[in-house]
Amino acid sequence: MKRKLSVLYSWFVRTVTAWLPDIPVFMRLRGFLYSMMMKRCGRNFQVASTVILNPLSGLSIGHNVYFAPRATIIGTDIEIGDEVLIGPGTCISGGNHTFLKSSYRYGAHIPQHVNIKSGTWIAANCSVTAGSVLPERSVLAAGAVLTKVFTQTDSLYAGVPAVCIKKLRDHAE
């Protein structure tokens, strides 16, 4: 029941705040309103007006997170760490379908955990599929499709499906 209410509440927040411009004060207001139905949400959560979040009850968001226009986050178990940037047109999905009666239309939905770790940047028009992990301080290049669990931090991931292209820096802090 909470899941269904959070879907309805998400639609309500999106509809009521759609006319507000995408400036930090209003994006933080949207983030605050969304956070009321989330599993967990940190401070300074900024959400552009055209973002779709469903259901809210399955989202855990860290501090200082930004969702750019047209981002779509759908799933019942999605965790996003601190200081994460989600680029425009990005889709994060926390579930897959099974094949039944000669199509995927009737197959059961299989939810899987998605983890976007702290300090990451997902560039424009990326897709993150169910069961994926993007490690700390990493970049998912524009147009990439993240399909599995990666563990190498401070790296650039790119391609379809995404692979590690290079180590960005040695983390010596």
N, C-alpha and C. Protein backbone atom coordinates (compact mmCIF):
# COMPACT_ATOMS: atom_id res chain seq x y z
N MET A 1 0.81 -1.19 0.00
CA MET A 1 0.00 0.00 0.00
C MET A 1 0.86 1.26 0.00
N LYS A 2 1.97 1.24 0.79
CA LYS A 2 2.84 2.41 0.85
C LYS A 2 3.45 2.71 -0.52
N ARG A 3 3.78 1.66 -1.26
CA ARG A 3 4.34 1.83 -2.60
C ARG A 3 3.35 2.57 -3.50
N LYS A 4 2.10 2.14 -3.48
CA LYS A 4 1.08 2.78 -4.32
C LYS A 4 0.85 4.22 -3.92
N LEU A 5 0.83 4.49 -2.62
CA LEU A 5 0.68 5.87 -2.15
C LEU A 5 1.86 6.74 -2.57
N SER A 6 3.07 6.16 -2.54
CA SER A 6 4.24 6.94 -2.92
C SER A 6 4.25 7.26 -4.42
N VAL A 7 3.70 6.38 -5.25
CA VAL A 7 3.56 6.65 -6.68
C VAL A 7 2.59 7.81 -6.89
N LEU A 8 1.48 7.78 -6.21
CA LEU A 8 0.48 8.86 -6.30
C LEU A 8 1.05 10.17 -5.78
N TYR A 9 1.75 10.11 -4.65
CA TYR A 9 2.35 11.31 -4.07
C TYR A 9 3.40 11.90 -5.01
N SER A 10 4.20 11.05 -5.64
CA SER A 10 5.21 11.51 -6.60
C SER A 10 4.55 12.27 -7.76
N TRP A 11 3.48 11.70 -8.28
CA TRP A 11 2.74 12.37 -9.35
C TRP A 11 2.21 13.72 -8.87
N PHE A 12 1.68 13.77 -7.65
CA PHE A 12 1.14 15.00 -7.09
C PHE A 12 2.22 16.07 -6.98
N VAL A 13 3.37 15.73 -6.42
CA VAL A 13 4.47 16.70 -6.27
C VAL A 13 4.92 17.19 -7.64
N ARG A 14 5.07 16.29 -8.58
CA ARG A 14 5.51 16.68 -9.92
C ARG A 14 4.50 17.63 -10.58
N THR A 15 3.24 17.33 -10.44
CA THR A 15 2.19 18.15 -11.05
C THR A 15 2.10 19.54 -10.40
N VAL A 16 2.12 19.57 -9.08
CA VAL A 16 1.96 20.83 -8.36
C VAL A 16 3.18 21.76 -8.53
N THR A 17 4.37 21.19 -8.67
CA THR A 17 5.58 22.02 -8.77
C THR A 17 6.10 22.18 -10.19
N ALA A 18 5.40 21.68 -11.18
CA ALA A 18 5.88 21.70 -12.57
C ALA A 18 6.10 23.12 -13.09
N TRP A 19 5.31 24.06 -12.62
CA TRP A 19 5.40 25.43 -13.12
C TRP A 19 6.55 26.21 -12.49
N LEU A 20 7.16 25.68 -11.44
CA LEU A 20 8.28 26.38 -10.79
C LEU A 20 9.54 26.23 -11.63
N PRO A 21 10.31 27.31 -11.79
CA PRO A 21 11.53 27.23 -12.60
C PRO A 21 12.59 26.36 -11.94
N ASP A 22 13.50 25.85 -12.77
CA ASP A 22 14.58 25.00 -12.26
C ASP A 22 15.73 25.86 -11.76
N ILE A 23 15.52 26.48 -10.62
CA ILE A 23 16.57 27.21 -9.91
C ILE A 23 16.73 26.54 -8.56
N PRO A 24 17.93 26.65 -7.95
CA PRO A 24 18.21 25.87 -6.75
C PRO A 24 17.14 25.91 -5.65
N VAL A 25 16.58 27.04 -5.34
CA VAL A 25 15.61 27.11 -4.25
C VAL A 25 14.38 26.25 -4.54
N PHE A 26 13.87 26.26 -5.76
CA PHE A 26 12.70 25.47 -6.10
C PHE A 26 13.06 23.99 -6.31
N MET A 27 14.26 23.72 -6.81
CA MET A 27 14.67 22.32 -6.95
C MET A 27 14.85 21.68 -5.57
N ARG A 28 15.35 22.45 -4.59
CA ARG A 28 15.45 21.93 -3.22
C ARG A 28 14.06 21.72 -2.61
N LEU A 29 13.12 22.62 -2.92
CA LEU A 29 11.75 22.45 -2.44
C LEU A 29 11.16 21.14 -2.98
N ARG A 30 11.34 20.89 -4.29
CA ARG A 30 10.87 19.63 -4.87
C ARG A 30 11.51 18.44 -4.16
N GLY A 31 12.82 18.52 -3.96
CA GLY A 31 13.53 17.45 -3.27
C GLY A 31 12.99 17.21 -1.87
N PHE A 32 12.71 18.30 -1.15
CA PHE A 32 12.15 18.18 0.19
C PHE A 32 10.78 17.51 0.15
N LEU A 33 9.94 17.93 -0.79
CA LEU A 33 8.60 17.34 -0.89
C LEU A 33 8.68 15.85 -1.25
N TYR A 34 9.55 15.50 -2.20
CA TYR A 34 9.73 14.08 -2.54
C TYR A 34 10.24 13.28 -1.34
N SER A 35 11.13 13.88 -0.56
CA SER A 35 11.79 13.15 0.53
C SER A 35 10.82 12.63 1.59
N MET A 36 9.65 13.24 1.68
CA MET A 36 8.69 12.84 2.72
C MET A 36 8.20 11.40 2.56
N MET A 37 8.29 10.84 1.36
CA MET A 37 7.84 9.47 1.14
C MET A 37 8.99 8.49 0.86
N MET A 38 10.22 8.98 0.91
CA MET A 38 11.38 8.13 0.61
C MET A 38 11.81 7.31 1.81
N LYS A 39 12.53 6.25 1.52
CA LYS A 39 13.12 5.41 2.56
C LYS A 39 14.11 6.24 3.38
N ARG A 40 14.95 7.04 2.67
CA ARG A 40 15.94 7.90 3.31
C ARG A 40 16.31 9.00 2.33
N CYS A 41 16.51 10.22 2.85
CA CYS A 41 16.92 11.32 1.98
C CYS A 41 17.76 12.31 2.78
N GLY A 42 18.92 12.66 2.23
CA GLY A 42 19.81 13.61 2.88
C GLY A 42 19.41 15.05 2.59
N ARG A 43 20.23 15.98 3.05
CA ARG A 43 19.96 17.40 2.83
C ARG A 43 20.41 17.83 1.43
N ASN A 44 19.87 18.95 0.98
CA ASN A 44 20.21 19.56 -0.31
C ASN A 44 19.99 18.60 -1.48
N PHE A 45 18.83 17.98 -1.51
CA PHE A 45 18.42 17.12 -2.63
C PHE A 45 17.71 18.01 -3.64
N GLN A 46 18.27 18.15 -4.84
CA GLN A 46 17.72 19.04 -5.86
C GLN A 46 17.18 18.23 -7.03
N VAL A 47 15.94 18.55 -7.42
CA VAL A 47 15.25 17.80 -8.46
C VAL A 47 14.67 18.76 -9.49
N ALA A 48 15.03 18.59 -10.77
CA ALA A 48 14.48 19.41 -11.85
C ALA A 48 13.00 19.07 -12.04
N SER A 49 12.27 19.97 -12.68
CA SER A 49 10.81 19.84 -12.79
C SER A 49 10.34 18.66 -13.64
N THR A 50 11.14 18.19 -14.57
CA THR A 50 10.70 17.12 -15.47
C THR A 50 11.20 15.74 -15.07
N VAL A 51 11.73 15.61 -13.86
CA VAL A 51 12.22 14.33 -13.35
C VAL A 51 11.04 13.45 -12.95
N ILE A 52 11.16 12.14 -13.21
CA ILE A 52 10.14 11.17 -12.80
C ILE A 52 10.77 10.23 -11.78
N LEU A 53 10.16 10.16 -10.59
CA LEU A 53 10.62 9.29 -9.52
C LEU A 53 9.46 8.38 -9.10
N ASN A 54 9.57 7.08 -9.37
CA ASN A 54 8.51 6.13 -9.00
C ASN A 54 9.09 4.79 -8.62
N PRO A 55 8.69 4.16 -7.58
CA PRO A 55 7.99 4.74 -6.45
C PRO A 55 8.99 5.38 -5.50
N LEU A 56 8.57 6.36 -4.78
CA LEU A 56 9.45 7.05 -3.83
C LEU A 56 9.84 6.16 -2.67
N SER A 57 8.96 5.25 -2.29
CA SER A 57 9.19 4.41 -1.10
C SER A 57 10.42 3.51 -1.22
N GLY A 58 10.93 3.29 -2.43
CA GLY A 58 12.09 2.44 -2.61
C GLY A 58 13.40 3.18 -2.78
N LEU A 59 13.38 4.51 -2.65
CA LEU A 59 14.58 5.32 -2.88
C LEU A 59 15.30 5.69 -1.60
N SER A 60 16.63 5.56 -1.62
CA SER A 60 17.50 6.07 -0.56
C SER A 60 18.46 7.04 -1.22
N ILE A 61 18.41 8.30 -0.79
CA ILE A 61 19.22 9.36 -1.41
C ILE A 61 20.11 9.98 -0.36
N GLY A 62 21.38 10.22 -0.70
CA GLY A 62 22.32 10.85 0.21
C GLY A 62 22.23 12.36 0.20
N HIS A 63 23.24 13.01 0.77
CA HIS A 63 23.32 14.46 0.83
C HIS A 63 23.86 15.03 -0.49
N ASN A 64 23.40 16.24 -0.84
CA ASN A 64 23.91 16.99 -1.99
C ASN A 64 23.81 16.23 -3.30
N VAL A 65 22.60 15.75 -3.60
CA VAL A 65 22.34 15.00 -4.82
C VAL A 65 21.52 15.87 -5.76
N TYR A 66 21.84 15.80 -7.07
CA TYR A 66 21.15 16.59 -8.08
C TYR A 66 20.65 15.69 -9.21
N PHE A 67 19.36 15.82 -9.54
CA PHE A 67 18.76 15.12 -10.68
C PHE A 67 18.43 16.15 -11.75
N ALA A 68 19.05 16.02 -12.93
CA ALA A 68 18.87 16.95 -14.04
C ALA A 68 17.54 16.68 -14.77
N PRO A 69 17.14 17.60 -15.65
CA PRO A 69 15.87 17.43 -16.38
C PRO A 69 15.76 16.10 -17.12
N ARG A 70 14.56 15.56 -17.14
CA ARG A 70 14.18 14.35 -17.86
C ARG A 70 14.80 13.07 -17.32
N ALA A 71 15.40 13.12 -16.14
CA ALA A 71 15.90 11.89 -15.51
C ALA A 71 14.69 11.08 -15.05
N THR A 72 14.80 9.75 -15.18
CA THR A 72 13.72 8.86 -14.76
C THR A 72 14.32 7.79 -13.86
N ILE A 73 13.80 7.69 -12.65
CA ILE A 73 14.27 6.71 -11.69
C ILE A 73 13.07 5.85 -11.30
N ILE A 74 13.13 4.56 -11.66
CA ILE A 74 12.02 3.65 -11.42
C ILE A 74 12.56 2.38 -10.76
N GLY A 75 12.10 2.09 -9.55
CA GLY A 75 12.54 0.88 -8.90
C GLY A 75 12.21 0.86 -7.43
N THR A 76 12.13 -0.32 -6.88
CA THR A 76 11.74 -0.47 -5.48
C THR A 76 12.93 -0.58 -4.53
N ASP A 77 14.16 -0.60 -5.04
CA ASP A 77 15.34 -0.70 -4.18
C ASP A 77 16.53 -0.01 -4.86
N ILE A 78 16.53 1.32 -4.83
CA ILE A 78 17.59 2.10 -5.46
C ILE A 78 18.26 2.96 -4.40
N GLU A 79 19.59 2.86 -4.32
CA GLU A 79 20.36 3.60 -3.34
C GLU A 79 21.34 4.52 -4.07
N ILE A 80 21.28 5.81 -3.74
CA ILE A 80 22.15 6.81 -4.35
C ILE A 80 22.91 7.50 -3.22
N GLY A 81 24.24 7.50 -3.30
CA GLY A 81 25.08 8.04 -2.24
C GLY A 81 25.13 9.56 -2.21
N ASP A 82 26.07 10.09 -1.44
CA ASP A 82 26.26 11.53 -1.30
C ASP A 82 26.95 12.12 -2.52
N GLU A 83 26.64 13.41 -2.78
CA GLU A 83 27.32 14.20 -3.81
C GLU A 83 27.31 13.52 -5.18
N VAL A 84 26.13 13.12 -5.61
CA VAL A 84 25.95 12.45 -6.90
C VAL A 84 25.24 13.38 -7.87
N LEU A 85 25.70 13.40 -9.11
CA LEU A 85 25.06 14.14 -10.20
C LEU A 85 24.43 13.14 -11.16
N ILE A 86 23.15 13.31 -11.43
CA ILE A 86 22.45 12.47 -12.40
C ILE A 86 22.13 13.37 -13.59
N GLY A 87 22.70 13.09 -14.76
CA GLY A 87 22.57 13.94 -15.94
C GLY A 87 21.22 13.87 -16.61
N PRO A 88 20.99 14.82 -17.54
CA PRO A 88 19.72 14.88 -18.25
C PRO A 88 19.44 13.62 -19.07
N GLY A 89 18.19 13.18 -19.05
CA GLY A 89 17.78 12.05 -19.87
C GLY A 89 18.22 10.70 -19.36
N THR A 90 18.77 10.64 -18.16
CA THR A 90 19.24 9.37 -17.60
C THR A 90 18.06 8.54 -17.11
N CYS A 91 18.16 7.22 -17.30
CA CYS A 91 17.13 6.30 -16.81
C CYS A 91 17.79 5.28 -15.90
N ILE A 92 17.30 5.19 -14.67
CA ILE A 92 17.77 4.19 -13.71
C ILE A 92 16.59 3.27 -13.41
N SER A 93 16.76 1.99 -13.72
CA SER A 93 15.68 1.03 -13.54
C SER A 93 16.10 -0.06 -12.56
N GLY A 94 15.26 -0.31 -11.58
CA GLY A 94 15.56 -1.31 -10.57
C GLY A 94 14.84 -2.62 -10.77
N GLY A 95 14.44 -2.93 -12.00
CA GLY A 95 13.74 -4.19 -12.22
C GLY A 95 13.83 -4.68 -13.65
N ASN A 96 13.60 -5.96 -13.83
CA ASN A 96 13.56 -6.60 -15.14
C ASN A 96 12.28 -7.42 -15.23
N HIS A 97 11.95 -7.84 -16.44
CA HIS A 97 10.79 -8.70 -16.66
C HIS A 97 11.25 -10.06 -17.15
N THR A 98 10.45 -11.06 -16.89
CA THR A 98 10.73 -12.40 -17.38
C THR A 98 9.87 -12.68 -18.61
N PHE A 99 10.23 -13.71 -19.32
CA PHE A 99 9.53 -14.08 -20.55
C PHE A 99 8.42 -15.07 -20.21
N LEU A 100 7.19 -14.77 -20.65
CA LEU A 100 6.04 -15.64 -20.38
C LEU A 100 5.02 -15.47 -21.49
N LYS A 101 4.41 -16.57 -21.95
CA LYS A 101 3.39 -16.54 -23.00
C LYS A 101 3.89 -15.84 -24.26
N SER A 102 5.08 -16.17 -24.68
CA SER A 102 5.73 -15.69 -25.90
C SER A 102 6.03 -14.19 -25.92
N SER A 103 6.06 -13.54 -24.74
CA SER A 103 6.47 -12.13 -24.70
C SER A 103 6.92 -11.74 -23.29
N TYR A 104 7.54 -10.58 -23.20
CA TYR A 104 7.93 -10.03 -21.91
C TYR A 104 6.79 -9.26 -21.27
N ARG A 105 5.73 -9.02 -21.99
CA ARG A 105 4.59 -8.25 -21.48
C ARG A 105 3.95 -8.91 -20.28
N TYR A 106 3.88 -10.23 -20.26
CA TYR A 106 3.19 -10.94 -19.19
C TYR A 106 4.12 -11.57 -18.16
N GLY A 107 5.41 -11.42 -18.36
CA GLY A 107 6.37 -12.00 -17.43
C GLY A 107 6.39 -11.26 -16.10
N ALA A 108 6.76 -11.97 -15.06
CA ALA A 108 6.82 -11.38 -13.72
C ALA A 108 7.93 -10.34 -13.65
N HIS A 109 7.70 -9.33 -12.85
CA HIS A 109 8.68 -8.28 -12.60
C HIS A 109 9.66 -8.78 -11.54
N ILE A 110 10.95 -8.65 -11.81
CA ILE A 110 11.96 -9.09 -10.86
C ILE A 110 12.75 -7.86 -10.39
N PRO A 111 12.49 -7.38 -9.16
CA PRO A 111 13.23 -6.21 -8.66
C PRO A 111 14.64 -6.61 -8.24
N GLN A 112 15.59 -5.70 -8.48
CA GLN A 112 16.97 -5.90 -8.06
C GLN A 112 17.52 -4.59 -7.53
N HIS A 113 18.46 -4.67 -6.61
CA HIS A 113 19.07 -3.51 -5.99
C HIS A 113 19.98 -2.77 -6.99
N VAL A 114 19.91 -1.45 -7.00
CA VAL A 114 20.82 -0.60 -7.78
C VAL A 114 21.54 0.30 -6.79
N ASN A 115 22.86 0.42 -6.93
CA ASN A 115 23.63 1.25 -6.01
C ASN A 115 24.53 2.21 -6.80
N ILE A 116 24.23 3.50 -6.67
CA ILE A 116 25.08 4.55 -7.26
C ILE A 116 25.83 5.14 -6.07
N LYS A 117 27.11 4.87 -5.97
CA LYS A 117 27.86 5.24 -4.78
C LYS A 117 28.27 6.70 -4.77
N SER A 118 28.76 7.17 -3.64
CA SER A 118 29.07 8.58 -3.40
C SER A 118 30.10 9.16 -4.36
N GLY A 119 29.89 10.44 -4.70
CA GLY A 119 30.85 11.19 -5.50
C GLY A 119 30.83 10.87 -6.98
N THR A 120 29.80 10.19 -7.46
CA THR A 120 29.76 9.80 -8.87
C THR A 120 29.02 10.81 -9.72
N TRP A 121 29.27 10.72 -11.01
CA TRP A 121 28.60 11.56 -11.99
C TRP A 121 28.10 10.65 -13.11
N ILE A 122 26.80 10.64 -13.31
CA ILE A 122 26.21 9.92 -14.43
C ILE A 122 25.87 10.98 -15.47
N ALA A 123 26.55 10.96 -16.60
CA ALA A 123 26.39 11.99 -17.62
C ALA A 123 25.05 11.82 -18.35
N ALA A 124 24.83 12.63 -19.36
CA ALA A 124 23.54 12.68 -20.06
C ALA A 124 23.20 11.38 -20.79
N ASN A 125 21.91 11.07 -20.81
CA ASN A 125 21.34 9.98 -21.60
C ASN A 125 21.94 8.60 -21.32
N CYS A 126 22.24 8.35 -20.07
CA CYS A 126 22.74 7.03 -19.67
C CYS A 126 21.58 6.15 -19.21
N SER A 127 21.82 4.85 -19.22
CA SER A 127 20.87 3.89 -18.66
C SER A 127 21.60 3.06 -17.62
N VAL A 128 20.96 2.87 -16.48
CA VAL A 128 21.50 2.04 -15.42
C VAL A 128 20.47 0.94 -15.18
N THR A 129 20.87 -0.30 -15.38
CA THR A 129 19.93 -1.41 -15.30
C THR A 129 19.93 -2.05 -13.91
N ALA A 130 18.93 -2.86 -13.66
CA ALA A 130 18.75 -3.53 -12.38
C ALA A 130 19.97 -4.37 -12.02
N GLY A 131 20.35 -4.31 -10.75
CA GLY A 131 21.48 -5.09 -10.26
C GLY A 131 22.83 -4.43 -10.45
N SER A 132 22.87 -3.21 -10.98
CA SER A 132 24.14 -2.54 -11.27
C SER A 132 24.68 -1.77 -10.07
N VAL A 133 26.02 -1.59 -10.06
CA VAL A 133 26.69 -0.77 -9.05
C VAL A 133 27.72 0.10 -9.75
N LEU A 134 27.66 1.42 -9.49
CA LEU A 134 28.66 2.36 -9.97
C LEU A 134 29.50 2.76 -8.76
N PRO A 135 30.83 2.47 -8.77
CA PRO A 135 31.67 2.68 -7.59
C PRO A 135 31.91 4.16 -7.26
N GLU A 136 32.43 4.40 -6.07
CA GLU A 136 32.70 5.74 -5.57
C GLU A 136 33.56 6.55 -6.55
N ARG A 137 33.24 7.85 -6.62
CA ARG A 137 34.01 8.85 -7.37
C ARG A 137 34.26 8.44 -8.82
N SER A 138 33.30 7.79 -9.44
CA SER A 138 33.43 7.34 -10.82
C SER A 138 32.51 8.15 -11.73
N VAL A 139 32.78 8.07 -13.02
CA VAL A 139 31.99 8.76 -14.03
C VAL A 139 31.43 7.71 -14.99
N LEU A 140 30.13 7.83 -15.29
CA LEU A 140 29.51 7.01 -16.34
C LEU A 140 29.34 7.95 -17.52
N ALA A 141 30.09 7.72 -18.59
CA ALA A 141 30.13 8.62 -19.74
C ALA A 141 28.78 8.72 -20.44
N ALA A 142 28.57 9.82 -21.14
CA ALA A 142 27.30 10.09 -21.82
C ALA A 142 26.91 8.94 -22.74
N GLY A 143 25.65 8.54 -22.66
CA GLY A 143 25.12 7.50 -23.52
C GLY A 143 25.46 6.08 -23.12
N ALA A 144 26.17 5.90 -22.01
CA ALA A 144 26.60 4.56 -21.59
C ALA A 144 25.44 3.79 -20.96
N VAL A 145 25.59 2.46 -20.96
CA VAL A 145 24.60 1.59 -20.33
C VAL A 145 25.32 0.74 -19.28
N LEU A 146 25.02 1.01 -18.01
CA LEU A 146 25.62 0.28 -16.90
C LEU A 146 24.78 -0.97 -16.65
N THR A 147 25.40 -2.15 -16.81
CA THR A 147 24.64 -3.40 -16.73
C THR A 147 25.12 -4.37 -15.66
N LYS A 148 26.18 -4.01 -14.92
CA LYS A 148 26.70 -4.96 -13.94
C LYS A 148 27.33 -4.26 -12.76
N VAL A 149 27.86 -5.04 -11.84
CA VAL A 149 28.52 -4.51 -10.65
C VAL A 149 29.98 -4.23 -10.99
N PHE A 150 30.39 -2.96 -10.80
CA PHE A 150 31.79 -2.59 -10.94
C PHE A 150 32.33 -2.27 -9.57
N THR A 151 33.64 -2.46 -9.35
CA THR A 151 34.23 -2.22 -8.03
C THR A 151 35.39 -1.25 -8.06
N GLN A 152 35.95 -0.94 -9.22
CA GLN A 152 37.13 -0.07 -9.31
C GLN A 152 36.71 1.39 -9.17
N THR A 153 37.07 2.00 -8.04
CA THR A 153 36.70 3.39 -7.78
C THR A 153 37.53 4.34 -8.63
N ASP A 154 37.14 5.63 -8.66
CA ASP A 154 37.88 6.68 -9.37
C ASP A 154 38.13 6.31 -10.83
N SER A 155 37.11 5.82 -11.52
CA SER A 155 37.29 5.35 -12.89
C SER A 155 36.24 5.94 -13.82
N LEU A 156 36.55 5.89 -15.10
CA LEU A 156 35.63 6.30 -16.15
C LEU A 156 35.08 5.05 -16.81
N TYR A 157 33.75 4.94 -16.81
CA TYR A 157 33.06 3.82 -17.44
C TYR A 157 32.30 4.35 -18.64
N ALA A 158 32.41 3.67 -19.77
CA ALA A 158 31.75 4.13 -21.00
C ALA A 158 31.39 2.94 -21.87
N GLY A 159 30.46 3.17 -22.80
CA GLY A 159 30.11 2.17 -23.78
C GLY A 159 28.78 1.49 -23.52
N VAL A 160 28.43 0.63 -24.48
CA VAL A 160 27.19 -0.14 -24.41
C VAL A 160 27.54 -1.60 -24.65
N PRO A 161 27.60 -2.43 -23.64
CA PRO A 161 27.48 -2.13 -22.23
C PRO A 161 28.74 -1.44 -21.71
N ALA A 162 28.63 -0.76 -20.58
CA ALA A 162 29.74 0.01 -20.03
C ALA A 162 30.90 -0.90 -19.61
N VAL A 163 32.09 -0.41 -19.88
CA VAL A 163 33.32 -1.05 -19.43
C VAL A 163 34.22 0.04 -18.85
N CYS A 164 35.19 -0.37 -18.05
CA CYS A 164 36.12 0.59 -17.47
C CYS A 164 37.10 1.05 -18.55
N ILE A 165 37.08 2.35 -18.83
CA ILE A 165 37.96 2.91 -19.86
C ILE A 165 39.31 3.29 -19.28
N LYS A 166 39.29 3.96 -18.11
CA LYS A 166 40.55 4.34 -17.49
C LYS A 166 40.35 4.73 -16.04
N LYS A 167 41.44 4.67 -15.31
CA LYS A 167 41.48 5.15 -13.92
C LYS A 167 41.63 6.66 -13.99
N LEU A 168 40.76 7.39 -13.27
CA LEU A 168 40.79 8.85 -13.34
C LEU A 168 41.91 9.46 -12.54
N ARG A 169 42.19 8.91 -11.37
CA ARG A 169 43.27 9.44 -10.51
C ARG A 169 43.55 8.42 -9.43
N ASP A 170 44.72 8.55 -8.86
CA ASP A 170 45.03 7.76 -7.68
C ASP A 170 44.52 8.52 -6.49
N HIS A 171 43.68 7.90 -5.70
CA HIS A 171 43.05 8.57 -4.57
C HIS A 171 43.98 8.50 -3.38
N ALA A 172 44.69 9.62 -3.11
CA ALA A 172 45.66 9.63 -2.03
C ALA A 172 45.31 10.67 -0.96
N GLU A 173 44.03 10.86 -0.73
CA GLU A 173 43.60 11.85 0.27
C GLU A 173 43.43 11.23 1.63
